[in-house]
Amino acid sequence: MTTTDRERASEIEAVVATMVDRLAGRFKPDRILLFGSRARGDATESSDIDLLVVMPDGTDRRQTAIEMHVALGDLPAAKDIVVTTPSHIARRGHVIGTVLRPALREGRILYERV
């Protein structure tokens, strides 16, 4: 890994930390997981940041995802925010072909409410 690669990785880590801080502070999720290539360690320069945000049951997932994208809009990285709930995970988390299954299997917990 070159110095430039290390610097870029450090920048991405800082962006991820900022994303988690903002989401945790404003939206009070149950958990935030990093998934996809950045969680697996095979990200390239063009890889986005994939976050699975587990909100309490009853949350309007679509509206919350929109609000989260707005809250993170100024950050200099491509991002994909998937909002789910415990009941949605129970119904769909095992289904092959959904984003939930790999996110739950490979995801790294970045935040968990205590």
PDB file of N, CA and C in Angstrom:
ATOM      1  N   MET A   1       0.854  -1.174   0.000  1.00  0.00           N
ATOM      2  CA  MET A   1       0.000   0.000   0.000  1.00  0.00           C
ATOM      3  C   MET A   1       0.900   1.238   0.000  1.00  0.00           C
ATOM      4  N   THR A   2       0.665   2.126  -0.933  1.00  0.00           N
ATOM      5  CA  THR A   2       1.469   3.339  -1.027  1.00  0.00           C
ATOM      6  C   THR A   2       0.987   4.375  -0.021  1.00  0.00           C
ATOM      7  N   THR A   3       1.794   5.420   0.135  1.00  0.00           N
ATOM      8  CA  THR A   3       1.404   6.507   1.039  1.00  0.00           C
ATOM      9  C   THR A   3       0.073   7.108   0.605  1.00  0.00           C
ATOM     10  N   THR A   4      -0.093   7.302  -0.695  1.00  0.00           N
ATOM     11  CA  THR A   4      -1.345   7.861  -1.210  1.00  0.00           C
ATOM     12  C   THR A   4      -2.521   6.943  -0.879  1.00  0.00           C
ATOM     13  N   ASP A   5      -2.320   5.632  -1.031  1.00  0.00           N
ATOM     14  CA  ASP A   5      -3.380   4.678  -0.697  1.00  0.00           C
ATOM     15  C   ASP A   5      -3.728   4.749   0.787  1.00  0.00           C
ATOM     16  N   ARG A   6      -2.701   4.847   1.629  1.00  0.00           N
ATOM     17  CA  ARG A   6      -2.927   4.934   3.073  1.00  0.00           C
ATOM     18  C   ARG A   6      -3.666   6.222   3.422  1.00  0.00           C
ATOM     19  N   GLU A   7      -3.269   7.311   2.774  1.00  0.00           N
ATOM     20  CA  GLU A   7      -3.933   8.594   3.027  1.00  0.00           C
ATOM     21  C   GLU A   7      -5.400   8.521   2.623  1.00  0.00           C
ATOM     22  N   ARG A   8      -5.668   7.927   1.467  1.00  0.00           N
ATOM     23  CA  ARG A   8      -7.050   7.803   0.996  1.00  0.00           C
ATOM     24  C   ARG A   8      -7.859   6.913   1.947  1.00  0.00           C
ATOM     25  N   ALA A   9      -7.262   5.808   2.396  1.00  0.00           N
ATOM     26  CA  ALA A   9      -7.946   4.922   3.338  1.00  0.00           C
ATOM     27  C   ALA A   9      -8.252   5.660   4.635  1.00  0.00           C
ATOM     28  N   SER A  10      -7.318   6.471   5.078  1.00  0.00           N
ATOM     29  CA  SER A  10      -7.516   7.253   6.298  1.00  0.00           C
ATOM     30  C   SER A  10      -8.637   8.277   6.110  1.00  0.00           C
ATOM     31  N   GLU A  11      -8.685   8.896   4.937  1.00  0.00           N
ATOM     32  CA  GLU A  11      -9.755   9.854   4.634  1.00  0.00           C
ATOM     33  C   GLU A  11     -11.120   9.161   4.655  1.00  0.00           C
ATOM     34  N   ILE A  12     -11.186   7.983   4.055  1.00  0.00           N
ATOM     35  CA  ILE A  12     -12.448   7.235   4.020  1.00  0.00           C
ATOM     36  C   ILE A  12     -12.870   6.848   5.431  1.00  0.00           C
ATOM     37  N   GLU A  13     -11.907   6.391   6.245  1.00  0.00           N
ATOM     38  CA  GLU A  13     -12.224   6.040   7.636  1.00  0.00           C
ATOM     39  C   GLU A  13     -12.786   7.246   8.385  1.00  0.00           C
ATOM     40  N   ALA A  14     -12.231   8.417   8.129  1.00  0.00           N
ATOM     41  CA  ALA A  14     -12.720   9.638   8.779  1.00  0.00           C
ATOM     42  C   ALA A  14     -14.139   9.964   8.313  1.00  0.00           C
ATOM     43  N   VAL A  15     -14.407   9.781   7.025  1.00  0.00           N
ATOM     44  CA  VAL A  15     -15.754  10.029   6.501  1.00  0.00           C
ATOM     45  C   VAL A  15     -16.745   9.047   7.128  1.00  0.00           C
ATOM     46  N   VAL A  16     -16.361   7.778   7.212  1.00  0.00           N
ATOM     47  CA  VAL A  16     -17.242   6.773   7.817  1.00  0.00           C
ATOM     48  C   VAL A  16     -17.532   7.137   9.272  1.00  0.00           C
ATOM     49  N   ALA A  17     -16.513   7.539  10.007  1.00  0.00           N
ATOM     50  CA  ALA A  17     -16.704   7.930  11.414  1.00  0.00           C
ATOM     51  C   ALA A  17     -17.656   9.117  11.528  1.00  0.00           C
ATOM     52  N   THR A  18     -17.519  10.086  10.632  1.00  0.00           N
ATOM     53  CA  THR A  18     -18.416  11.244  10.630  1.00  0.00           C
ATOM     54  C   THR A  18     -19.844  10.814  10.312  1.00  0.00           C
ATOM     55  N   MET A  19     -19.989   9.920   9.336  1.00  0.00           N
ATOM     56  CA  MET A  19     -21.317   9.419   8.985  1.00  0.00           C
ATOM     57  C   MET A  19     -21.977   8.760  10.192  1.00  0.00           C
ATOM     58  N   VAL A  20     -21.239   7.893  10.863  1.00  0.00           N
ATOM     59  CA  VAL A  20     -21.782   7.177  12.020  1.00  0.00           C
ATOM     60  C   VAL A  20     -22.150   8.156  13.127  1.00  0.00           C
ATOM     61  N   ASP A  21     -21.273   9.118  13.400  1.00  0.00           N
ATOM     62  CA  ASP A  21     -21.562  10.114  14.441  1.00  0.00           C
ATOM     63  C   ASP A  21     -22.836  10.891  14.133  1.00  0.00           C
ATOM     64  N   ARG A  22     -22.973  11.336  12.893  1.00  0.00           N
ATOM     65  CA  ARG A  22     -24.166  12.108  12.519  1.00  0.00           C
ATOM     66  C   ARG A  22     -25.433  11.274  12.619  1.00  0.00           C
ATOM     67  N   LEU A  23     -25.371  10.067  12.062  1.00  0.00           N
ATOM     68  CA  LEU A  23     -26.563   9.220  12.071  1.00  0.00           C
ATOM     69  C   LEU A  23     -26.960   8.830  13.488  1.00  0.00           C
ATOM     70  N   ALA A  24     -25.978   8.463  14.299  1.00  0.00           N
ATOM     71  CA  ALA A  24     -26.271   8.069  15.682  1.00  0.00           C
ATOM     72  C   ALA A  24     -26.831   9.248  16.473  1.00  0.00           C
ATOM     73  N   GLY A  25     -26.260  10.421  16.280  1.00  0.00           N
ATOM     74  CA  GLY A  25     -26.699  11.592  17.023  1.00  0.00           C
ATOM     75  C   GLY A  25     -28.077  12.082  16.638  1.00  0.00           C
ATOM     76  N   ARG A  26     -28.364  12.074  15.353  1.00  0.00           N
ATOM     77  CA  ARG A  26     -29.631  12.636  14.892  1.00  0.00           C
ATOM     78  C   ARG A  26     -30.784  11.633  14.866  1.00  0.00           C
ATOM     79  N   PHE A  27     -30.487  10.386  14.479  1.00  0.00           N
ATOM     80  CA  PHE A  27     -31.569   9.430  14.223  1.00  0.00           C
ATOM     81  C   PHE A  27     -31.734   8.363  15.301  1.00  0.00           C
ATOM     82  N   LYS A  28     -30.761   8.237  16.185  1.00  0.00           N
ATOM     83  CA  LYS A  28     -30.835   7.279  17.301  1.00  0.00           C
ATOM     84  C   LYS A  28     -31.141   5.845  16.839  1.00  0.00           C
ATOM     85  N   PRO A  29     -30.338   5.298  15.926  1.00  0.00           N
ATOM     86  CA  PRO A  29     -30.583   3.929  15.464  1.00  0.00           C
ATOM     87  C   PRO A  29     -30.226   2.900  16.529  1.00  0.00           C
ATOM     88  N   ASP A  30     -30.700   1.678  16.313  1.00  0.00           N
ATOM     89  CA  ASP A  30     -30.310   0.568  17.183  1.00  0.00           C
ATOM     90  C   ASP A  30     -28.873   0.133  16.869  1.00  0.00           C
ATOM     91  N   ARG A  31     -28.569   0.050  15.558  1.00  0.00           N
ATOM     92  CA  ARG A  31     -27.242  -0.385  15.111  1.00  0.00           C
ATOM     93  C   ARG A  31     -26.915   0.242  13.767  1.00  0.00           C
ATOM     94  N   ILE A  32     -25.622   0.369  13.507  1.00  0.00           N
ATOM     95  CA  ILE A  32     -25.132   0.769  12.193  1.00  0.00           C
ATOM     96  C   ILE A  32     -24.040  -0.218  11.817  1.00  0.00           C
ATOM     97  N   LEU A  33     -24.176  -0.818  10.634  1.00  0.00           N
ATOM     98  CA  LEU A  33     -23.189  -1.773  10.145  1.00  0.00           C
ATOM     99  C   LEU A  33     -22.586  -1.283   8.838  1.00  0.00           C
ATOM    100  N   LEU A  34     -21.295  -1.459   8.692  1.00  0.00           N
ATOM    101  CA  LEU A  34     -20.605  -1.249   7.424  1.00  0.00           C
ATOM    102  C   LEU A  34     -20.640  -2.582   6.696  1.00  0.00           C
ATOM    103  N   PHE A  35     -21.038  -2.571   5.421  1.00  0.00           N
ATOM    104  CA  PHE A  35     -21.036  -3.820   4.659  1.00  0.00           C
ATOM    105  C   PHE A  35     -20.504  -3.551   3.262  1.00  0.00           C
ATOM    106  N   GLY A  36     -20.452  -4.574   2.447  1.00  0.00           N
ATOM    107  CA  GLY A  36     -19.939  -4.432   1.095  1.00  0.00           C
ATOM    108  C   GLY A  36     -18.423  -4.499   1.056  1.00  0.00           C
ATOM    109  N   SER A  37     -17.865  -3.958  -0.011  1.00  0.00           N
ATOM    110  CA  SER A  37     -16.423  -4.088  -0.244  1.00  0.00           C
ATOM    111  C   SER A  37     -15.580  -3.462   0.858  1.00  0.00           C
ATOM    112  N   ARG A  38     -16.039  -2.396   1.443  1.00  0.00           N
ATOM    113  CA  ARG A  38     -15.254  -1.756   2.517  1.00  0.00           C
ATOM    114  C   ARG A  38     -15.225  -2.630   3.768  1.00  0.00           C
ATOM    115  N   ALA A  39     -16.286  -3.355   4.043  1.00  0.00           N
ATOM    116  CA  ALA A  39     -16.296  -4.274   5.192  1.00  0.00           C
ATOM    117  C   ALA A  39     -15.460  -5.519   4.900  1.00  0.00           C
ATOM    118  N   ARG A  40     -15.485  -5.971   3.647  1.00  0.00           N
ATOM    119  CA  ARG A  40     -14.720  -7.164   3.273  1.00  0.00           C
ATOM    120  C   ARG A  40     -13.234  -6.881   3.124  1.00  0.00           C
ATOM    121  N   GLY A  41     -12.890  -5.605   2.907  1.00  0.00           N
ATOM    122  CA  GLY A  41     -11.486  -5.253   2.717  1.00  0.00           C
ATOM    123  C   GLY A  41     -11.020  -5.322   1.278  1.00  0.00           C
ATOM    124  N   ASP A  42     -11.959  -5.385   0.336  1.00  0.00           N
ATOM    125  CA  ASP A  42     -11.561  -5.429  -1.070  1.00  0.00           C
ATOM    126  C   ASP A  42     -12.075  -4.214  -1.851  1.00  0.00           C
ATOM    127  N   ALA A  43     -12.192  -3.098  -1.165  1.00  0.00           N
ATOM    128  CA  ALA A  43     -12.660  -1.857  -1.798  1.00  0.00           C
ATOM    129  C   ALA A  43     -11.608  -1.320  -2.755  1.00  0.00           C
ATOM    130  N   THR A  44     -12.093  -0.677  -3.794  1.00  0.00           N
ATOM    131  CA  THR A  44     -11.219   0.035  -4.721  1.00  0.00           C
ATOM    132  C   THR A  44     -11.450   1.530  -4.524  1.00  0.00           C
ATOM    133  N   GLU A  45     -10.711   2.328  -5.255  1.00  0.00           N
ATOM    134  CA  GLU A  45     -10.857   3.779  -5.134  1.00  0.00           C
ATOM    135  C   GLU A  45     -12.274   4.238  -5.467  1.00  0.00           C
ATOM    136  N   SER A  46     -12.952   3.500  -6.352  1.00  0.00           N
ATOM    137  CA  SER A  46     -14.296   3.909  -6.770  1.00  0.00           C
ATOM    138  C   SER A  46     -15.409   3.280  -5.922  1.00  0.00           C
ATOM    139  N   SER A  47     -15.054   2.497  -4.917  1.00  0.00           N
ATOM    140  CA  SER A  47     -16.071   1.850  -4.079  1.00  0.00           C
ATOM    141  C   SER A  47     -16.815   2.866  -3.224  1.00  0.00           C
ATOM    142  N   ASP A  48     -18.112   2.614  -3.059  1.00  0.00           N
ATOM    143  CA  ASP A  48     -18.894   3.485  -2.185  1.00  0.00           C
ATOM    144  C   ASP A  48     -18.844   2.964  -0.749  1.00  0.00           C
ATOM    145  N   ILE A  49     -19.472   3.695   0.138  1.00  0.00           N
ATOM    146  CA  ILE A  49     -19.574   3.307   1.545  1.00  0.00           C
ATOM    147  C   ILE A  49     -20.995   2.795   1.751  1.00  0.00           C
ATOM    148  N   ASP A  50     -21.113   1.525   2.117  1.00  0.00           N
ATOM    149  CA  ASP A  50     -22.414   0.900   2.323  1.00  0.00           C
ATOM    150  C   ASP A  50     -22.689   0.783   3.813  1.00  0.00           C
ATOM    151  N   LEU A  51     -23.783   1.392   4.256  1.00  0.00           N
ATOM    152  CA  LEU A  51     -24.181   1.303   5.661  1.00  0.00           C
ATOM    153  C   LEU A  51     -25.581   0.715   5.762  1.00  0.00           C
ATOM    154  N   LEU A  52     -25.730  -0.237   6.674  1.00  0.00           N
ATOM    155  CA  LEU A  52     -27.039  -0.760   7.038  1.00  0.00           C
ATOM    156  C   LEU A  52     -27.382  -0.138   8.380  1.00  0.00           C
ATOM    157  N   VAL A  53     -28.478   0.606   8.414  1.00  0.00           N
ATOM    158  CA  VAL A  53     -28.890   1.303   9.629  1.00  0.00           C
ATOM    159  C   VAL A  53     -30.165   0.640  10.143  1.00  0.00           C
ATOM    160  N   VAL A  54     -30.069   0.041  11.324  1.00  0.00           N
ATOM    161  CA  VAL A  54     -31.211  -0.649  11.928  1.00  0.00           C
ATOM    162  C   VAL A  54     -31.902   0.323  12.878  1.00  0.00           C
ATOM    163  N   MET A  55     -33.132   0.675  12.509  1.00  0.00           N
ATOM    164  CA  MET A  55     -33.940   1.606  13.288  1.00  0.00           C
ATOM    165  C   MET A  55     -35.001   0.831  14.065  1.00  0.00           C
ATOM    166  N   PRO A  56     -35.596   1.445  15.078  1.00  0.00           N
ATOM    167  CA  PRO A  56     -36.658   0.763  15.829  1.00  0.00           C
ATOM    168  C   PRO A  56     -37.848   0.425  14.927  1.00  0.00           C
ATOM    169  N   ASP A  57     -38.549  -0.655  15.285  1.00  0.00           N
ATOM    170  CA  ASP A  57     -39.766  -1.013  14.559  1.00  0.00           C
ATOM    171  C   ASP A  57     -40.717   0.175  14.545  1.00  0.00           C
ATOM    172  N   GLY A  58     -41.443   0.317  13.441  1.00  0.00           N
ATOM    173  CA  GLY A  58     -42.374   1.425  13.292  1.00  0.00           C
ATOM    174  C   GLY A  58     -41.785   2.601  12.539  1.00  0.00           C
ATOM    175  N   THR A  59     -40.482   2.578  12.308  1.00  0.00           N
ATOM    176  CA  THR A  59     -39.821   3.651  11.566  1.00  0.00           C
ATOM    177  C   THR A  59     -40.230   3.584  10.103  1.00  0.00           C
ATOM    178  N   ASP A  60     -40.496   4.730   9.504  1.00  0.00           N
ATOM    179  CA  ASP A  60     -40.749   4.817   8.066  1.00  0.00           C
ATOM    180  C   ASP A  60     -39.388   4.699   7.379  1.00  0.00           C
ATOM    181  N   ARG A  61     -39.079   3.514   6.886  1.00  0.00           N
ATOM    182  CA  ARG A  61     -37.742   3.242   6.347  1.00  0.00           C
ATOM    183  C   ARG A  61     -37.399   4.146   5.166  1.00  0.00           C
ATOM    184  N   ARG A  62     -38.320   4.320   4.257  1.00  0.00           N
ATOM    185  CA  ARG A  62     -38.049   5.118   3.056  1.00  0.00           C
ATOM    186  C   ARG A  62     -37.795   6.584   3.414  1.00  0.00           C
ATOM    187  N   GLN A  63     -38.672   7.168   4.212  1.00  0.00           N
ATOM    188  CA  GLN A  63     -38.520   8.574   4.595  1.00  0.00           C
ATOM    189  C   GLN A  63     -37.248   8.781   5.405  1.00  0.00           C
ATOM    190  N   THR A  64     -36.956   7.852   6.302  1.00  0.00           N
ATOM    191  CA  THR A  64     -35.745   7.967   7.118  1.00  0.00           C
ATOM    192  C   THR A  64     -34.500   7.883   6.249  1.00  0.00           C
ATOM    193  N   ALA A  65     -34.509   7.002   5.252  1.00  0.00           N
ATOM    194  CA  ALA A  65     -33.364   6.899   4.340  1.00  0.00           C
ATOM    195  C   ALA A  65     -33.150   8.215   3.595  1.00  0.00           C
ATOM    196  N   ILE A  66     -34.231   8.837   3.158  1.00  0.00           N
ATOM    197  CA  ILE A  66     -34.125  10.131   2.471  1.00  0.00           C
ATOM    198  C   ILE A  66     -33.514  11.168   3.409  1.00  0.00           C
ATOM    199  N   GLU A  67     -34.018  11.229   4.624  1.00  0.00           N
ATOM    200  CA  GLU A  67     -33.495  12.198   5.595  1.00  0.00           C
ATOM    201  C   GLU A  67     -32.026  11.931   5.919  1.00  0.00           C
ATOM    202  N   MET A  68     -31.643  10.676   5.967  1.00  0.00           N
ATOM    203  CA  MET A  68     -30.241  10.339   6.233  1.00  0.00           C
ATOM    204  C   MET A  68     -29.343  10.769   5.083  1.00  0.00           C
ATOM    205  N   HIS A  69     -29.790  10.542   3.856  1.00  0.00           N
ATOM    206  CA  HIS A  69     -29.000  10.975   2.700  1.00  0.00           C
ATOM    207  C   HIS A  69     -28.819  12.490   2.706  1.00  0.00           C
ATOM    208  N   VAL A  70     -29.853  13.220   3.060  1.00  0.00           N
ATOM    209  CA  VAL A  70     -29.750  14.682   3.145  1.00  0.00           C
ATOM    210  C   VAL A  70     -28.750  15.069   4.232  1.00  0.00           C
ATOM    211  N   ALA A  71     -28.831  14.405   5.383  1.00  0.00           N
ATOM    212  CA  ALA A  71     -27.937  14.729   6.506  1.00  0.00           C
ATOM    213  C   ALA A  71     -26.471  14.455   6.182  1.00  0.00           C
ATOM    214  N   LEU A  72     -26.224  13.541   5.234  1.00  0.00           N
ATOM    215  CA  LEU A  72     -24.850  13.174   4.877  1.00  0.00           C
ATOM    216  C   LEU A  72     -24.426  13.730   3.522  1.00  0.00           C
ATOM    217  N   GLY A  73     -25.285  14.528   2.915  1.00  0.00           N
ATOM    218  CA  GLY A  73     -25.061  14.989   1.551  1.00  0.00           C
ATOM    219  C   GLY A  73     -23.795  15.773   1.315  1.00  0.00           C
ATOM    220  N   ASP A  74     -23.277  16.432   2.335  1.00  0.00           N
ATOM    221  CA  ASP A  74     -22.081  17.258   2.149  1.00  0.00           C
ATOM    222  C   ASP A  74     -20.784  16.457   2.253  1.00  0.00           C
ATOM    223  N   LEU A  75     -20.869  15.202   2.618  1.00  0.00           N
ATOM    224  CA  LEU A  75     -19.647  14.412   2.802  1.00  0.00           C
ATOM    225  C   LEU A  75     -19.095  13.941   1.458  1.00  0.00           C
ATOM    226  N   PRO A  76     -17.766  14.006   1.301  1.00  0.00           N
ATOM    227  CA  PRO A  76     -17.135  13.764   0.001  1.00  0.00           C
ATOM    228  C   PRO A  76     -16.892  12.285  -0.301  1.00  0.00           C
ATOM    229  N   ALA A  77     -17.944  11.499  -0.301  1.00  0.00           N
ATOM    230  CA  ALA A  77     -17.798  10.082  -0.636  1.00  0.00           C
ATOM    231  C   ALA A  77     -19.130   9.556  -1.145  1.00  0.00           C
ATOM    232  N   ALA A  78     -19.047   8.621  -2.098  1.00  0.00           N
ATOM    233  CA  ALA A  78     -20.259   7.953  -2.561  1.00  0.00           C
ATOM    234  C   ALA A  78     -20.750   7.053  -1.437  1.00  0.00           C
ATOM    235  N   LYS A  79     -22.051   7.052  -1.208  1.00  0.00           N
ATOM    236  CA  LYS A  79     -22.584   6.289  -0.093  1.00  0.00           C
ATOM    237  C   LYS A  79     -23.915   5.653  -0.449  1.00  0.00           C
ATOM    238  N   ASP A  80     -24.174   4.526   0.180  1.00  0.00           N
ATOM    239  CA  ASP A  80     -25.452   3.841   0.037  1.00  0.00           C
ATOM    240  C   ASP A  80     -25.934   3.530   1.444  1.00  0.00           C
ATOM    241  N   ILE A  81     -27.072   4.081   1.808  1.00  0.00           N
ATOM    242  CA  ILE A  81     -27.627   3.904   3.142  1.00  0.00           C
ATOM    243  C   ILE A  81     -28.874   3.035   3.018  1.00  0.00           C
ATOM    244  N   VAL A  82     -28.867   1.895   3.677  1.00  0.00           N
ATOM    245  CA  VAL A  82     -30.018   1.001   3.694  1.00  0.00           C
ATOM    246  C   VAL A  82     -30.605   1.050   5.098  1.00  0.00           C
ATOM    247  N   VAL A  83     -31.866   1.437   5.184  1.00  0.00           N
ATOM    248  CA  VAL A  83     -32.545   1.538   6.477  1.00  0.00           C
ATOM    249  C   VAL A  83     -33.464   0.328   6.631  1.00  0.00           C
ATOM    250  N   THR A  84     -33.379  -0.308   7.776  1.00  0.00           N
ATOM    251  CA  THR A  84     -34.214  -1.469   8.054  1.00  0.00           C
ATOM    252  C   THR A  84     -34.657  -1.431   9.511  1.00  0.00           C
ATOM    253  N   THR A  85     -35.456  -2.405   9.890  1.00  0.00           N
ATOM    254  CA  THR A  85     -35.941  -2.529  11.270  1.00  0.00           C
ATOM    255  C   THR A  85     -35.788  -3.986  11.705  1.00  0.00           C
ATOM    256  N   PRO A  86     -35.832  -4.253  13.001  1.00  0.00           N
ATOM    257  CA  PRO A  86     -35.735  -5.646  13.458  1.00  0.00           C
ATOM    258  C   PRO A  86     -36.807  -6.560  12.847  1.00  0.00           C
ATOM    259  N   SER A  87     -38.042  -6.069  12.732  1.00  0.00           N
ATOM    260  CA  SER A  87     -39.093  -6.921  12.163  1.00  0.00           C
ATOM    261  C   SER A  87     -38.860  -7.168  10.675  1.00  0.00           C
ATOM    262  N   HIS A  88     -38.328  -6.191   9.960  1.00  0.00           N
ATOM    263  CA  HIS A  88     -38.004  -6.380   8.545  1.00  0.00           C
ATOM    264  C   HIS A  88     -36.870  -7.392   8.402  1.00  0.00           C
ATOM    265  N   ILE A  89     -35.885  -7.321   9.286  1.00  0.00           N
ATOM    266  CA  ILE A  89     -34.788  -8.295   9.268  1.00  0.00           C
ATOM    267  C   ILE A  89     -35.332  -9.699   9.532  1.00  0.00           C
ATOM    268  N   ALA A  90     -36.240  -9.823  10.486  1.00  0.00           N
ATOM    269  CA  ALA A  90     -36.816 -11.134  10.808  1.00  0.00           C
ATOM    270  C   ALA A  90     -37.556 -11.725   9.611  1.00  0.00           C
ATOM    271  N   ARG A  91     -38.231 -10.865   8.836  1.00  0.00           N
ATOM    272  CA  ARG A  91     -38.994 -11.330   7.672  1.00  0.00           C
ATOM    273  C   ARG A  91     -38.124 -11.564   6.449  1.00  0.00           C
ATOM    274  N   ARG A  92     -37.118 -10.699   6.227  1.00  0.00           N
ATOM    275  CA  ARG A  92     -36.403 -10.704   4.951  1.00  0.00           C
ATOM    276  C   ARG A  92     -34.893 -10.939   5.047  1.00  0.00           C
ATOM    277  N   GLY A  93     -34.342 -10.973   6.244  1.00  0.00           N
ATOM    278  CA  GLY A  93     -32.896 -11.054   6.407  1.00  0.00           C
ATOM    279  C   GLY A  93     -32.254 -12.318   5.882  1.00  0.00           C
ATOM    280  N   HIS A  94     -33.016 -13.382   5.745  1.00  0.00           N
ATOM    281  CA  HIS A  94     -32.485 -14.662   5.281  1.00  0.00           C
ATOM    282  C   HIS A  94     -32.692 -14.886   3.781  1.00  0.00           C
ATOM    283  N   VAL A  95     -33.408 -14.003   3.123  1.00  0.00           N
ATOM    284  CA  VAL A  95     -33.803 -14.205   1.731  1.00  0.00           C
ATOM    285  C   VAL A  95     -32.630 -13.923   0.793  1.00  0.00           C
ATOM    286  N   ILE A  96     -32.290 -14.942   0.008  1.00  0.00           N
ATOM    287  CA  ILE A  96     -31.222 -14.804  -0.984  1.00  0.00           C
ATOM    288  C   ILE A  96     -31.648 -13.765  -2.011  1.00  0.00           C
ATOM    289  N   GLY A  97     -30.726 -12.907  -2.394  1.00  0.00           N
ATOM    290  CA  GLY A  97     -30.996 -11.886  -3.393  1.00  0.00           C
ATOM    291  C   GLY A  97     -31.365 -10.535  -2.810  1.00  0.00           C
ATOM    292  N   THR A  98     -31.575 -10.483  -1.504  1.00  0.00           N
ATOM    293  CA  THR A  98     -31.840  -9.192  -0.872  1.00  0.00           C
ATOM    294  C   THR A  98     -30.527  -8.593  -0.391  1.00  0.00           C
ATOM    295  N   VAL A  99     -30.503  -7.299  -0.218  1.00  0.00           N
ATOM    296  CA  VAL A  99     -29.302  -6.637   0.296  1.00  0.00           C
ATOM    297  C   VAL A  99     -29.092  -6.980   1.774  1.00  0.00           C
ATOM    298  N   LEU A 100     -30.164  -7.310   2.464  1.00  0.00           N
ATOM    299  CA  LEU A 100     -30.053  -7.605   3.898  1.00  0.00           C
ATOM    300  C   LEU A 100     -29.190  -8.825   4.184  1.00  0.00           C
ATOM    301  N   ARG A 101     -29.351  -9.868   3.407  1.00  0.00           N
ATOM    302  CA  ARG A 101     -28.642 -11.118   3.705  1.00  0.00           C
ATOM    303  C   ARG A 101     -27.125 -10.926   3.740  1.00  0.00           C
ATOM    304  N   PRO A 102     -26.508 -10.427   2.671  1.00  0.00           N
ATOM    305  CA  PRO A 102     -25.050 -10.238   2.754  1.00  0.00           C
ATOM    306  C   PRO A 102     -24.649  -9.162   3.757  1.00  0.00           C
ATOM    307  N   ALA A 103     -25.472  -8.132   3.902  1.00  0.00           N
ATOM    308  CA  ALA A 103     -25.136  -7.068   4.859  1.00  0.00           C
ATOM    309  C   ALA A 103     -25.080  -7.626   6.275  1.00  0.00           C
ATOM    310  N   LEU A 104     -26.016  -8.496   6.608  1.00  0.00           N
ATOM    311  CA  LEU A 104     -26.041  -9.087   7.946  1.00  0.00           C
ATOM    312  C   LEU A 104     -24.930 -10.115   8.131  1.00  0.00           C
ATOM    313  N   ARG A 105     -24.564 -10.812   7.060  1.00  0.00           N
ATOM    314  CA  ARG A 105     -23.523 -11.842   7.149  1.00  0.00           C
ATOM    315  C   ARG A 105     -22.119 -11.252   7.214  1.00  0.00           C
ATOM    316  N   GLU A 106     -21.863 -10.234   6.417  1.00  0.00           N
ATOM    317  CA  GLU A 106     -20.496  -9.704   6.320  1.00  0.00           C
ATOM    318  C   GLU A 106     -20.316  -8.374   7.033  1.00  0.00           C
ATOM    319  N   GLY A 107     -21.410  -7.793   7.480  1.00  0.00           N
ATOM    320  CA  GLY A 107     -21.352  -6.451   8.062  1.00  0.00           C
ATOM    321  C   GLY A 107     -20.538  -6.384   9.342  1.00  0.00           C
ATOM    322  N   ARG A 108     -19.890  -5.250   9.508  1.00  0.00           N
ATOM    323  CA  ARG A 108     -19.138  -4.961  10.735  1.00  0.00           C
ATOM    324  C   ARG A 108     -19.918  -3.917  11.519  1.00  0.00           C
ATOM    325  N   ILE A 109     -20.196  -4.195  12.772  1.00  0.00           N
ATOM    326  CA  ILE A 109     -20.947  -3.249  13.595  1.00  0.00           C
ATOM    327  C   ILE A 109     -20.054  -2.057  13.924  1.00  0.00           C
ATOM    328  N   LEU A 110     -20.514  -0.868  13.542  1.00  0.00           N
ATOM    329  CA  LEU A 110     -19.790   0.372  13.823  1.00  0.00           C
ATOM    330  C   LEU A 110     -20.401   1.119  15.001  1.00  0.00           C
ATOM    331  N   TYR A 111     -21.681   0.862  15.248  1.00  0.00           N
ATOM    332  CA  TYR A 111     -22.391   1.541  16.331  1.00  0.00           C
ATOM    333  C   TYR A 111     -23.487   0.606  16.823  1.00  0.00           C
ATOM    334  N   GLU A 112     -23.661   0.572  18.123  1.00  0.00           N
ATOM    335  CA  GLU A 112     -24.774  -0.176  18.703  1.00  0.00           C
ATOM    336  C   GLU A 112     -25.253   0.565  19.937  1.00  0.00           C
ATOM    337  N   ARG A 113     -26.548   0.857  19.942  1.00  0.00           N
ATOM    338  CA  ARG A 113     -27.122   1.571  21.084  1.00  0.00           C
ATOM    339  C   ARG A 113     -27.164   0.637  22.287  1.00  0.00           C
ATOM    340  N   VAL A 114     -26.784   1.174  23.427  1.00  0.00           N
ATOM    341  CA  VAL A 114     -26.795   0.360  24.658  1.00  0.00           C
ATOM    342  C   VAL A 114     -27.968   0.722  25.538  1.00  0.00           C
TER     343      VAL A 114
END
